[in-house]
Amino acid sequence: MDWKTFIASIVESASWPLAILGIVYFLRKQIASLVPFLTKAKYGDLEFEFSKKSEELQAEAQKIIPTEKEDPFIKVELEKLSDLATIAPRAAVFESWRILESAASHRLAEITEIQEKKEGKILLHTKDAVWPTLLRDNEISKSEYAMMQELKKLRNIAVHSSDEEFESIDVGGYIGSAVSLASLLRHKAQQKNQPDGK
């Protein structure tokens, strides 16, 4: 291979990358002006996904979870969380999940205490075992368990999103579903702890 052929092969193999770099360089201002739109499209998909799933969960919660008329727990929690959602929607999602997880953990602790008295031994449960144990012990139905799984997925989306991505998302459906499920667990505990079992 002579030097002319060598230079021709280098020019030939480098021509496309150089042409693309040249185009990007000359259009850099126009490309830079498009970046905010790409970010908003990403945020829009997140907003659409989260809001749609939250609304579906709230509709499902209204079907499968019997609501107690004038339940002070639901009223107080919804009011606090709605106020928080106007300021910090992600924080409202986290707090809703915390309330739900707390209600589940308390219910499991009550069940475990009863079982320990019957069996005469200490039972230990990990945090990950709370919901499967409640399902196994018929404290929640399969549809309520599935709802919890979806709420957990949405909570994870919130955890891995930035505040900017979440600032315009309506989290009311999420809050309503989580508080309704927490209320259900609280009422089951109250019903089972009544002396006559009603």
N, C-alpha and C. Protein backbone atom coordinates (compact mmCIF):
# COMPACT_ATOMS: atom_id res chain seq x y z
N MET A 1 0.86 -1.16 0.00
CA MET A 1 0.00 0.00 0.00
C MET A 1 0.91 1.23 0.00
N ASP A 2 0.68 2.09 -0.95
CA ASP A 2 1.49 3.31 -0.99
C ASP A 2 0.86 4.38 -0.11
N TRP A 3 1.55 5.48 0.06
CA TRP A 3 1.09 6.53 0.97
C TRP A 3 -0.18 7.21 0.48
N LYS A 4 -0.41 7.30 -0.84
CA LYS A 4 -1.63 7.93 -1.37
C LYS A 4 -2.86 7.06 -1.04
N THR A 5 -2.73 5.78 -1.17
CA THR A 5 -3.83 4.86 -0.85
C THR A 5 -4.12 4.89 0.65
N PHE A 6 -3.08 4.96 1.45
CA PHE A 6 -3.23 5.00 2.90
C PHE A 6 -4.00 6.25 3.33
N ILE A 7 -3.63 7.40 2.80
CA ILE A 7 -4.31 8.66 3.13
C ILE A 7 -5.75 8.63 2.63
N ALA A 8 -5.98 8.09 1.46
CA ALA A 8 -7.34 7.99 0.91
C ALA A 8 -8.21 7.11 1.80
N SER A 9 -7.68 6.02 2.32
CA SER A 9 -8.48 5.15 3.19
C SER A 9 -8.79 5.81 4.52
N ILE A 10 -7.84 6.60 5.05
CA ILE A 10 -8.10 7.33 6.30
C ILE A 10 -9.18 8.38 6.08
N VAL A 11 -9.10 9.14 5.01
CA VAL A 11 -10.10 10.17 4.70
C VAL A 11 -11.47 9.52 4.50
N GLU A 12 -11.49 8.39 3.80
CA GLU A 12 -12.75 7.70 3.54
C GLU A 12 -13.40 7.20 4.83
N SER A 13 -12.61 6.61 5.74
CA SER A 13 -13.19 6.08 6.97
C SER A 13 -13.53 7.19 7.97
N ALA A 14 -12.90 8.32 7.89
CA ALA A 14 -13.17 9.42 8.83
C ALA A 14 -14.19 10.41 8.30
N SER A 15 -14.64 10.28 7.06
CA SER A 15 -15.51 11.29 6.48
C SER A 15 -16.88 11.37 7.16
N TRP A 16 -17.52 10.25 7.44
CA TRP A 16 -18.85 10.29 8.06
C TRP A 16 -18.80 10.86 9.48
N PRO A 17 -17.92 10.38 10.33
CA PRO A 17 -17.86 10.98 11.68
C PRO A 17 -17.55 12.48 11.63
N LEU A 18 -16.67 12.90 10.75
CA LEU A 18 -16.35 14.32 10.65
C LEU A 18 -17.54 15.12 10.14
N ALA A 19 -18.29 14.56 9.19
CA ALA A 19 -19.47 15.24 8.68
C ALA A 19 -20.52 15.42 9.78
N ILE A 20 -20.72 14.39 10.58
CA ILE A 20 -21.70 14.47 11.68
C ILE A 20 -21.24 15.49 12.72
N LEU A 21 -19.98 15.46 13.08
CA LEU A 21 -19.46 16.46 14.03
C LEU A 21 -19.61 17.87 13.49
N GLY A 22 -19.39 18.05 12.21
CA GLY A 22 -19.55 19.37 11.59
C GLY A 22 -20.99 19.85 11.66
N ILE A 23 -21.93 18.96 11.36
CA ILE A 23 -23.35 19.32 11.41
C ILE A 23 -23.77 19.67 12.83
N VAL A 24 -23.36 18.85 13.81
CA VAL A 24 -23.69 19.13 15.22
C VAL A 24 -23.09 20.47 15.64
N TYR A 25 -21.85 20.74 15.21
CA TYR A 25 -21.21 22.01 15.58
C TYR A 25 -21.98 23.20 15.01
N PHE A 26 -22.38 23.14 13.75
CA PHE A 26 -23.09 24.27 13.14
C PHE A 26 -24.52 24.42 13.67
N LEU A 27 -25.12 23.33 14.13
CA LEU A 27 -26.51 23.39 14.63
C LEU A 27 -26.57 23.35 16.16
N ARG A 28 -25.46 23.59 16.84
CA ARG A 28 -25.41 23.45 18.29
C ARG A 28 -26.42 24.34 19.01
N LYS A 29 -26.65 25.56 18.54
CA LYS A 29 -27.61 26.46 19.19
C LYS A 29 -29.04 25.94 19.05
N GLN A 30 -29.38 25.45 17.89
CA GLN A 30 -30.71 24.90 17.67
C GLN A 30 -30.92 23.62 18.49
N ILE A 31 -29.90 22.79 18.54
CA ILE A 31 -29.99 21.55 19.32
C ILE A 31 -30.13 21.88 20.81
N ALA A 32 -29.35 22.85 21.29
CA ALA A 32 -29.43 23.25 22.70
C ALA A 32 -30.81 23.78 23.05
N SER A 33 -31.48 24.46 22.13
CA SER A 33 -32.82 24.99 22.41
C SER A 33 -33.87 23.87 22.48
N LEU A 34 -33.58 22.71 21.93
CA LEU A 34 -34.52 21.58 21.98
C LEU A 34 -34.42 20.76 23.26
N VAL A 35 -33.32 20.84 23.97
CA VAL A 35 -33.11 20.02 25.18
C VAL A 35 -34.22 20.22 26.22
N PRO A 36 -34.65 21.45 26.55
CA PRO A 36 -35.74 21.58 27.53
C PRO A 36 -37.02 20.86 27.10
N PHE A 37 -37.30 20.83 25.82
CA PHE A 37 -38.50 20.13 25.34
C PHE A 37 -38.37 18.63 25.53
N LEU A 38 -37.18 18.10 25.33
CA LEU A 38 -36.96 16.67 25.55
C LEU A 38 -37.14 16.33 27.02
N THR A 39 -36.67 17.18 27.91
CA THR A 39 -36.83 16.96 29.34
C THR A 39 -38.30 17.00 29.71
N LYS A 40 -39.04 17.97 29.17
CA LYS A 40 -40.46 18.05 29.49
C LYS A 40 -41.23 16.86 28.96
N ALA A 41 -40.85 16.33 27.84
CA ALA A 41 -41.51 15.13 27.32
C ALA A 41 -41.29 13.96 28.27
N LYS A 42 -40.07 13.85 28.80
CA LYS A 42 -39.78 12.79 29.76
C LYS A 42 -40.63 12.98 31.00
N TYR A 43 -40.70 14.18 31.52
CA TYR A 43 -41.49 14.46 32.70
C TYR A 43 -42.97 14.20 32.43
N GLY A 44 -43.42 14.56 31.24
CA GLY A 44 -44.82 14.36 30.87
C GLY A 44 -45.20 12.90 30.90
N ASP A 45 -44.33 12.02 30.41
CA ASP A 45 -44.61 10.59 30.46
C ASP A 45 -44.72 10.10 31.89
N LEU A 46 -43.82 10.58 32.74
CA LEU A 46 -43.86 10.21 34.15
C LEU A 46 -45.17 10.67 34.77
N GLU A 47 -45.53 11.91 34.49
CA GLU A 47 -46.76 12.46 35.04
C GLU A 47 -47.96 11.64 34.58
N PHE A 48 -48.00 11.33 33.29
CA PHE A 48 -49.11 10.57 32.74
C PHE A 48 -49.18 9.18 33.37
N GLU A 49 -48.05 8.50 33.46
CA GLU A 49 -48.01 7.15 34.01
C GLU A 49 -48.44 7.14 35.47
N PHE A 50 -47.87 8.03 36.27
CA PHE A 50 -48.18 8.06 37.70
C PHE A 50 -49.64 8.44 37.94
N SER A 51 -50.11 9.50 37.28
CA SER A 51 -51.48 9.96 37.48
C SER A 51 -52.50 8.91 37.04
N LYS A 52 -52.24 8.29 35.89
CA LYS A 52 -53.17 7.28 35.38
C LYS A 52 -53.27 6.09 36.33
N LYS A 53 -52.13 5.59 36.78
CA LYS A 53 -52.13 4.43 37.68
C LYS A 53 -52.75 4.80 39.02
N SER A 54 -52.49 6.00 39.51
CA SER A 54 -53.07 6.45 40.79
C SER A 54 -54.59 6.49 40.71
N GLU A 55 -55.12 7.02 39.60
CA GLU A 55 -56.57 7.08 39.43
C GLU A 55 -57.18 5.68 39.36
N GLU A 56 -56.49 4.76 38.65
CA GLU A 56 -56.97 3.38 38.57
C GLU A 56 -57.01 2.74 39.96
N LEU A 57 -55.97 2.97 40.75
CA LEU A 57 -55.92 2.41 42.09
C LEU A 57 -57.00 2.99 42.99
N GLN A 58 -57.25 4.28 42.85
CA GLN A 58 -58.29 4.89 43.67
C GLN A 58 -59.66 4.33 43.31
N ALA A 59 -59.92 4.14 42.02
CA ALA A 59 -61.20 3.55 41.60
C ALA A 59 -61.32 2.12 42.13
N GLU A 60 -60.22 1.38 42.07
CA GLU A 60 -60.24 0.00 42.58
C GLU A 60 -60.43 -0.02 44.09
N ALA A 61 -59.79 0.92 44.78
CA ALA A 61 -59.93 1.00 46.24
C ALA A 61 -61.37 1.27 46.63
N GLN A 62 -62.05 2.12 45.88
CA GLN A 62 -63.45 2.41 46.18
C GLN A 62 -64.34 1.20 45.98
N LYS A 63 -63.93 0.31 45.06
CA LYS A 63 -64.72 -0.90 44.82
C LYS A 63 -64.50 -1.97 45.89
N ILE A 64 -63.23 -2.21 46.24
CA ILE A 64 -62.93 -3.36 47.09
C ILE A 64 -62.79 -3.06 48.57
N ILE A 65 -62.60 -1.79 48.93
CA ILE A 65 -62.42 -1.46 50.34
C ILE A 65 -63.68 -0.76 50.85
N PRO A 66 -64.37 -1.40 51.78
CA PRO A 66 -65.56 -0.74 52.33
C PRO A 66 -65.14 0.48 53.15
N THR A 67 -65.74 1.61 52.85
CA THR A 67 -65.39 2.82 53.59
C THR A 67 -66.36 3.02 54.74
N GLU A 68 -65.80 3.34 55.86
CA GLU A 68 -66.60 3.64 57.03
C GLU A 68 -67.08 5.09 56.91
N LYS A 69 -68.36 5.29 57.15
CA LYS A 69 -68.87 6.65 57.07
C LYS A 69 -68.26 7.50 58.17
N GLU A 70 -67.81 8.68 57.74
CA GLU A 70 -67.22 9.64 58.67
C GLU A 70 -66.06 9.04 59.47
N ASP A 71 -65.21 8.29 58.82
CA ASP A 71 -64.03 7.74 59.48
C ASP A 71 -63.07 8.88 59.77
N PRO A 72 -62.86 9.21 61.05
CA PRO A 72 -62.00 10.35 61.37
C PRO A 72 -60.55 10.14 60.92
N PHE A 73 -60.07 8.90 60.93
CA PHE A 73 -58.70 8.62 60.47
C PHE A 73 -58.53 9.05 59.03
N ILE A 74 -59.45 8.62 58.16
CA ILE A 74 -59.35 8.95 56.74
C ILE A 74 -59.46 10.46 56.55
N LYS A 75 -60.41 11.07 57.22
CA LYS A 75 -60.63 12.50 57.06
C LYS A 75 -59.39 13.30 57.47
N VAL A 76 -58.82 12.99 58.61
CA VAL A 76 -57.65 13.73 59.12
C VAL A 76 -56.43 13.50 58.23
N GLU A 77 -56.18 12.23 57.90
CA GLU A 77 -55.00 11.92 57.10
C GLU A 77 -55.10 12.51 55.69
N LEU A 78 -56.27 12.39 55.07
CA LEU A 78 -56.44 12.95 53.73
C LEU A 78 -56.23 14.46 53.74
N GLU A 79 -56.73 15.12 54.76
CA GLU A 79 -56.57 16.57 54.86
C GLU A 79 -55.10 16.95 55.00
N LYS A 80 -54.38 16.27 55.90
CA LYS A 80 -52.95 16.56 56.09
C LYS A 80 -52.15 16.27 54.82
N LEU A 81 -52.42 15.13 54.21
CA LEU A 81 -51.65 14.72 53.04
C LEU A 81 -51.98 15.59 51.82
N SER A 82 -53.22 16.01 51.70
CA SER A 82 -53.60 16.91 50.59
C SER A 82 -52.88 18.25 50.73
N ASP A 83 -52.80 18.75 51.96
CA ASP A 83 -52.06 19.99 52.19
C ASP A 83 -50.58 19.82 51.84
N LEU A 84 -50.02 18.69 52.24
CA LEU A 84 -48.62 18.42 51.94
C LEU A 84 -48.40 18.28 50.43
N ALA A 85 -49.35 17.66 49.74
CA ALA A 85 -49.22 17.44 48.29
C ALA A 85 -49.17 18.75 47.51
N THR A 86 -49.82 19.78 48.01
CA THR A 86 -49.77 21.06 47.30
C THR A 86 -48.37 21.69 47.38
N ILE A 87 -47.66 21.38 48.45
CA ILE A 87 -46.32 21.92 48.64
C ILE A 87 -45.26 20.99 48.07
N ALA A 88 -45.38 19.69 48.39
CA ALA A 88 -44.36 18.71 48.01
C ALA A 88 -45.03 17.38 47.67
N PRO A 89 -45.41 17.17 46.42
CA PRO A 89 -46.10 15.93 46.05
C PRO A 89 -45.33 14.65 46.37
N ARG A 90 -44.02 14.66 46.15
CA ARG A 90 -43.23 13.46 46.48
C ARG A 90 -43.29 13.16 47.96
N ALA A 91 -43.20 14.17 48.78
CA ALA A 91 -43.26 13.97 50.23
C ALA A 91 -44.62 13.41 50.63
N ALA A 92 -45.67 13.84 49.96
CA ALA A 92 -47.01 13.31 50.25
C ALA A 92 -47.09 11.82 49.90
N VAL A 93 -46.45 11.43 48.81
CA VAL A 93 -46.41 10.01 48.43
C VAL A 93 -45.65 9.22 49.50
N PHE A 94 -44.49 9.72 49.91
CA PHE A 94 -43.69 9.03 50.93
C PHE A 94 -44.47 8.89 52.24
N GLU A 95 -45.11 9.96 52.65
CA GLU A 95 -45.86 9.94 53.90
C GLU A 95 -47.07 9.01 53.81
N SER A 96 -47.74 8.99 52.68
CA SER A 96 -48.87 8.07 52.48
C SER A 96 -48.40 6.63 52.60
N TRP A 97 -47.26 6.33 51.96
CA TRP A 97 -46.72 4.96 52.05
C TRP A 97 -46.33 4.63 53.49
N ARG A 98 -45.74 5.60 54.20
CA ARG A 98 -45.35 5.37 55.60
C ARG A 98 -46.56 5.05 56.47
N ILE A 99 -47.66 5.75 56.24
CA ILE A 99 -48.89 5.50 57.00
C ILE A 99 -49.41 4.08 56.71
N LEU A 100 -49.40 3.71 55.44
CA LEU A 100 -49.86 2.37 55.06
C LEU A 100 -48.95 1.29 55.63
N GLU A 101 -47.66 1.47 55.51
CA GLU A 101 -46.70 0.49 56.03
C GLU A 101 -46.81 0.37 57.55
N SER A 102 -47.03 1.48 58.22
CA SER A 102 -47.18 1.48 59.67
C SER A 102 -48.43 0.71 60.09
N ALA A 103 -49.53 0.93 59.39
CA ALA A 103 -50.78 0.20 59.70
C ALA A 103 -50.58 -1.31 59.50
N ALA A 104 -49.89 -1.69 58.44
CA ALA A 104 -49.64 -3.11 58.17
C ALA A 104 -48.74 -3.71 59.24
N SER A 105 -47.71 -2.98 59.63
CA SER A 105 -46.78 -3.48 60.66
C SER A 105 -47.48 -3.63 62.00
N HIS A 106 -48.33 -2.68 62.36
CA HIS A 106 -49.08 -2.77 63.62
C HIS A 106 -50.03 -3.97 63.60
N ARG A 107 -50.69 -4.17 62.47
CA ARG A 107 -51.61 -5.31 62.38
C ARG A 107 -50.85 -6.62 62.49
N LEU A 108 -49.71 -6.71 61.84
CA LEU A 108 -48.90 -7.93 61.92
C LEU A 108 -48.40 -8.15 63.35
N ALA A 109 -48.03 -7.09 64.04
CA ALA A 109 -47.57 -7.22 65.43
C ALA A 109 -48.69 -7.77 66.31
N GLU A 110 -49.92 -7.32 66.08
CA GLU A 110 -51.05 -7.83 66.85
C GLU A 110 -51.28 -9.32 66.57
N ILE A 111 -51.23 -9.70 65.31
CA ILE A 111 -51.41 -11.10 64.93
C ILE A 111 -50.30 -11.95 65.54
N THR A 112 -49.07 -11.48 65.45
CA THR A 112 -47.92 -12.21 65.96
C THR A 112 -48.03 -12.41 67.46
N GLU A 113 -48.48 -11.39 68.18
CA GLU A 113 -48.64 -11.49 69.63
C GLU A 113 -49.65 -12.58 69.98
N ILE A 114 -50.75 -12.63 69.25
CA ILE A 114 -51.78 -13.66 69.49
C ILE A 114 -51.20 -15.04 69.19
N GLN A 115 -50.49 -15.19 68.07
CA GLN A 115 -49.91 -16.48 67.70
C GLN A 115 -48.85 -16.91 68.70
N GLU A 116 -48.06 -15.95 69.19
CA GLU A 116 -47.03 -16.29 70.16
C GLU A 116 -47.65 -16.83 71.44
N LYS A 117 -48.76 -16.24 71.86
CA LYS A 117 -49.44 -16.72 73.07
C LYS A 117 -49.97 -18.14 72.87
N LYS A 118 -50.52 -18.41 71.67
CA LYS A 118 -51.06 -19.74 71.38
C LYS A 118 -49.94 -20.79 71.30
N GLU A 119 -48.87 -20.44 70.60
CA GLU A 119 -47.81 -21.41 70.32
C GLU A 119 -46.71 -21.43 71.38
N GLY A 120 -46.67 -20.41 72.22
CA GLY A 120 -45.67 -20.36 73.28
C GLY A 120 -44.25 -20.14 72.79
N LYS A 121 -44.09 -19.52 71.64
CA LYS A 121 -42.75 -19.22 71.13
C LYS A 121 -42.75 -17.86 70.45
N ILE A 122 -41.57 -17.30 70.32
CA ILE A 122 -41.42 -15.97 69.72
C ILE A 122 -41.36 -16.12 68.20
N LEU A 123 -42.15 -15.32 67.51
CA LEU A 123 -42.17 -15.32 66.05
C LEU A 123 -41.55 -14.02 65.56
N LEU A 124 -40.64 -14.13 64.64
CA LEU A 124 -39.99 -12.94 64.08
C LEU A 124 -40.37 -12.79 62.61
N HIS A 125 -40.59 -11.55 62.19
CA HIS A 125 -40.93 -11.26 60.80
C HIS A 125 -40.03 -10.15 60.29
N THR A 126 -39.54 -10.31 59.09
CA THR A 126 -38.76 -9.24 58.47
C THR A 126 -39.73 -8.21 57.88
N LYS A 127 -39.19 -7.06 57.54
CA LYS A 127 -40.01 -6.00 56.95
C LYS A 127 -40.64 -6.47 55.64
N ASP A 128 -39.88 -7.25 54.86
CA ASP A 128 -40.40 -7.75 53.59
C ASP A 128 -41.50 -8.81 53.76
N ALA A 129 -41.60 -9.38 54.94
CA ALA A 129 -42.58 -10.45 55.17
C ALA A 129 -43.93 -9.92 55.65
N VAL A 130 -44.02 -8.63 55.91
CA VAL A 130 -45.26 -8.09 56.48
C VAL A 130 -46.46 -8.37 55.58
N TRP A 131 -46.40 -7.93 54.34
CA TRP A 131 -47.55 -8.06 53.45
C TRP A 131 -47.85 -9.52 53.08
N PRO A 132 -46.85 -10.33 52.73
CA PRO A 132 -47.16 -11.74 52.45
C PRO A 132 -47.77 -12.46 53.65
N THR A 133 -47.32 -12.10 54.86
CA THR A 133 -47.89 -12.73 56.07
C THR A 133 -49.33 -12.30 56.26
N LEU A 134 -49.63 -11.03 56.04
CA LEU A 134 -51.02 -10.57 56.16
C LEU A 134 -51.91 -11.27 55.13
N LEU A 135 -51.39 -11.49 53.95
CA LEU A 135 -52.14 -12.21 52.91
C LEU A 135 -52.35 -13.66 53.32
N ARG A 136 -51.28 -14.30 53.79
CA ARG A 136 -51.36 -15.71 54.21
C ARG A 136 -52.36 -15.90 55.35
N ASP A 137 -52.40 -14.95 56.27
CA ASP A 137 -53.30 -15.05 57.42
C ASP A 137 -54.69 -14.49 57.15
N ASN A 138 -54.99 -14.22 55.89
CA ASN A 138 -56.30 -13.71 55.46
C ASN A 138 -56.68 -12.38 56.11
N GLU A 139 -55.67 -11.57 56.40
CA GLU A 139 -55.93 -10.23 56.92
C GLU A 139 -56.22 -9.27 55.77
N ILE A 140 -55.68 -9.58 54.60
CA ILE A 140 -55.97 -8.81 53.39
C ILE A 140 -56.29 -9.80 52.27
N SER A 141 -57.07 -9.33 51.31
CA SER A 141 -57.43 -10.17 50.17
C SER A 141 -56.34 -10.09 49.11
N LYS A 142 -56.44 -10.95 48.11
CA LYS A 142 -55.47 -10.92 47.01
C LYS A 142 -55.53 -9.60 46.26
N SER A 143 -56.74 -9.06 46.10
CA SER A 143 -56.86 -7.78 45.39
C SER A 143 -56.27 -6.63 46.22
N GLU A 144 -56.41 -6.70 47.53
CA GLU A 144 -55.80 -5.68 48.39
C GLU A 144 -54.27 -5.80 48.37
N TYR A 145 -53.80 -7.04 48.33
CA TYR A 145 -52.35 -7.28 48.22
C TYR A 145 -51.82 -6.73 46.89
N ALA A 146 -52.56 -6.97 45.82
CA ALA A 146 -52.16 -6.46 44.50
C ALA A 146 -52.14 -4.93 44.50
N MET A 147 -53.11 -4.34 45.18
CA MET A 147 -53.15 -2.88 45.27
C MET A 147 -51.92 -2.37 46.01
N MET A 148 -51.55 -3.05 47.08
CA MET A 148 -50.35 -2.66 47.82
C MET A 148 -49.12 -2.74 46.92
N GLN A 149 -49.03 -3.79 46.11
CA GLN A 149 -47.90 -3.95 45.21
C GLN A 149 -47.81 -2.77 44.23
N GLU A 150 -48.96 -2.37 43.69
CA GLU A 150 -48.98 -1.24 42.76
C GLU A 150 -48.62 0.07 43.46
N LEU A 151 -49.11 0.25 44.69
CA LEU A 151 -48.76 1.44 45.45
C LEU A 151 -47.25 1.48 45.71
N LYS A 152 -46.67 0.32 45.98
CA LYS A 152 -45.23 0.24 46.21
C LYS A 152 -44.45 0.60 44.95
N LYS A 153 -44.92 0.13 43.79
CA LYS A 153 -44.26 0.47 42.52
C LYS A 153 -44.30 1.98 42.28
N LEU A 154 -45.47 2.57 42.52
CA LEU A 154 -45.59 4.02 42.32
C LEU A 154 -44.72 4.79 43.32
N ARG A 155 -44.66 4.29 44.54
CA ARG A 155 -43.78 4.92 45.54
C ARG A 155 -42.34 4.86 45.05
N ASN A 156 -41.94 3.74 44.45
CA ASN A 156 -40.58 3.61 43.93
C ASN A 156 -40.32 4.58 42.78
N ILE A 157 -41.33 4.82 41.96
CA ILE A 157 -41.18 5.81 40.89
C ILE A 157 -40.92 7.18 41.51
N ALA A 158 -41.65 7.49 42.57
CA ALA A 158 -41.46 8.78 43.24
C ALA A 158 -40.07 8.87 43.86
N VAL A 159 -39.61 7.77 44.45
CA VAL A 159 -38.29 7.76 45.08
C VAL A 159 -37.20 8.06 44.06
N HIS A 160 -37.33 7.51 42.87
CA HIS A 160 -36.28 7.63 41.87
C HIS A 160 -36.50 8.79 40.90
N SER A 161 -37.41 9.68 41.22
CA SER A 161 -37.67 10.85 40.40
C SER A 161 -37.17 12.09 41.14
N SER A 162 -36.91 13.13 40.38
CA SER A 162 -36.47 14.38 41.02
C SER A 162 -37.70 15.20 41.41
N ASP A 163 -37.47 16.18 42.27
CA ASP A 163 -38.57 17.07 42.68
C ASP A 163 -39.14 17.81 41.48
N GLU A 164 -38.29 18.19 40.53
CA GLU A 164 -38.76 18.91 39.35
C GLU A 164 -39.71 18.03 38.53
N GLU A 165 -39.40 16.75 38.43
CA GLU A 165 -40.25 15.84 37.67
C GLU A 165 -41.61 15.68 38.34
N PHE A 166 -41.63 15.78 39.65
CA PHE A 166 -42.84 15.48 40.41
C PHE A 166 -43.67 16.70 40.79
N GLU A 167 -43.18 17.91 40.54
CA GLU A 167 -43.85 19.08 41.06
C GLU A 167 -45.26 19.31 40.51
N SER A 168 -45.55 18.84 39.30
CA SER A 168 -46.88 19.09 38.74
C SER A 168 -47.77 17.85 38.71
N ILE A 169 -47.35 16.78 39.35
CA ILE A 169 -48.12 15.53 39.31
C ILE A 169 -49.20 15.56 40.38
N ASP A 170 -50.39 15.13 39.99
CA ASP A 170 -51.50 15.02 40.93
C ASP A 170 -51.38 13.68 41.65
N VAL A 171 -51.15 13.72 42.94
CA VAL A 171 -50.95 12.49 43.72
C VAL A 171 -52.17 12.15 44.57
N GLY A 172 -53.27 12.82 44.33
CA GLY A 172 -54.48 12.59 45.12
C GLY A 172 -54.97 11.16 45.08
N GLY A 173 -54.91 10.53 43.92
CA GLY A 173 -55.35 9.14 43.81
C GLY A 173 -54.47 8.20 44.62
N TYR A 174 -53.19 8.46 44.62
CA TYR A 174 -52.26 7.65 45.41
C TYR A 174 -52.57 7.80 46.89
N ILE A 175 -52.71 9.05 47.33
CA ILE A 175 -52.98 9.32 48.74
C ILE A 175 -54.28 8.63 49.17
N GLY A 176 -55.33 8.79 48.37
CA GLY A 176 -56.62 8.18 48.72
C GLY A 176 -56.55 6.67 48.82
N SER A 177 -55.84 6.03 47.88
CA SER A 177 -55.72 4.57 47.90
C SER A 177 -54.93 4.09 49.11
N ALA A 178 -53.80 4.74 49.38
CA ALA A 178 -52.96 4.33 50.50
C ALA A 178 -53.68 4.51 51.84
N VAL A 179 -54.35 5.64 52.01
CA VAL A 179 -55.06 5.90 53.27
C VAL A 179 -56.25 4.95 53.43
N SER A 180 -56.94 4.65 52.34
CA SER A 180 -58.07 3.71 52.41
C SER A 180 -57.60 2.32 52.84
N LEU A 181 -56.49 1.87 52.26
CA LEU A 181 -55.95 0.55 52.62
C LEU A 181 -55.46 0.53 54.07
N ALA A 182 -54.84 1.61 54.51
CA ALA A 182 -54.40 1.71 55.91
C ALA A 182 -55.61 1.70 56.84
N SER A 183 -56.66 2.40 56.46
CA SER A 183 -57.88 2.43 57.26
C SER A 183 -58.51 1.04 57.36
N LEU A 184 -58.49 0.32 56.26
CA LEU A 184 -59.02 -1.05 56.26
C LEU A 184 -58.27 -1.91 57.29
N LEU A 185 -56.96 -1.82 57.30
CA LEU A 185 -56.17 -2.60 58.26
C LEU A 185 -56.48 -2.19 59.69
N ARG A 186 -56.63 -0.90 59.91
CA ARG A 186 -56.97 -0.42 61.25
C ARG A 186 -58.33 -0.93 61.71
N HIS A 187 -59.31 -0.93 60.80
CA HIS A 187 -60.66 -1.40 61.16
C HIS A 187 -60.69 -2.90 61.40
N LYS A 188 -59.91 -3.65 60.62
CA LYS A 188 -59.84 -5.10 60.86
C LYS A 188 -59.27 -5.38 62.24
N ALA A 189 -58.25 -4.62 62.62
CA ALA A 189 -57.65 -4.80 63.92
C ALA A 189 -58.66 -4.48 65.02
N GLN A 190 -59.41 -3.38 64.84
CA GLN A 190 -60.41 -3.00 65.86
C GLN A 190 -61.51 -4.04 65.96
N GLN A 191 -61.96 -4.57 64.80
CA GLN A 191 -63.02 -5.59 64.81
C GLN A 191 -62.56 -6.87 65.49
N LYS A 192 -61.36 -7.31 65.22
CA LYS A 192 -60.86 -8.56 65.79
C LYS A 192 -60.49 -8.41 67.26
N ASN A 193 -60.24 -7.18 67.69
CA ASN A 193 -59.89 -6.97 69.09
C ASN A 193 -61.10 -6.73 69.97
N GLN A 194 -62.28 -6.63 69.38
CA GLN A 194 -63.48 -6.47 70.20
C GLN A 194 -63.79 -7.80 70.91
N PRO A 195 -64.26 -7.75 72.14
CA PRO A 195 -64.47 -8.98 72.92
C PRO A 195 -65.45 -9.96 72.25
N ASP A 196 -66.50 -9.47 71.61
CA ASP A 196 -67.48 -10.39 71.03
C ASP A 196 -67.11 -10.80 69.61
N GLY A 197 -65.97 -10.29 69.05
CA GLY A 197 -65.51 -10.70 67.73
C GLY A 197 -66.24 -10.06 66.59
N LYS A 198 -67.10 -9.09 66.85
CA LYS A 198 -67.86 -8.44 65.78
C LYS A 198 -67.14 -7.24 65.26
